[in-house]
């Protein structure tokens, strides 16, 4: 459903539709295993609130959220976005959620992270992309390091989930670091032409 906006090796990124909220995202954000380390999922889903948030997001110049779909069968498997875009400082926060658990541990997060970084730096002309990740989420940390993100610091007891507090690691990638990292990306040759004139 929908034309790909960015084409990867195993996944495509397309626009996020309102119907995606009901068909998949409610299931993901109500699944405590999916949201174990995330900010999402603290409260039960509500269609009216979700639609209001969706309307605000698509009408904002500071938010870009895309659907992650399996390239082979067009199955919606997650979402990824650049948020709180600061057009003066040229920074944005990266967020990703792989909701379909049978896609975990297969390198999808790494591919999508790299696609979104290429989009942010080459299409949106960002200078810095940053993120916060729960320190206990070792798989996500490996994904971000592999993609070229650097550690900036650690926020103590920043998140309360699962009956305890977690530290959050702040990471970022600068435009010049992106230029150095991208040559090592497995999918770079696949996506390079989509971002260059």
Foldseek 3Di string as FASTA:
>chain_A
DADFPFDFDFKGWGADDLVCCPPFVLVQLCDCVQCVFHPGNPDHDDSVVVVVVVVVQVPDPFKGKIFIAGPVPRHTFWMKIWGRQDLVQQETEIDIGGRDVVCPPVCPLLRVVLRVVLCSCQVVVGFKYKYKTFPVPVVVVVSCVLQQKDWDDKAFQPDDGPNGGTIITMIMDGSVSNVVNLVVDPGNVVGVVVRDD
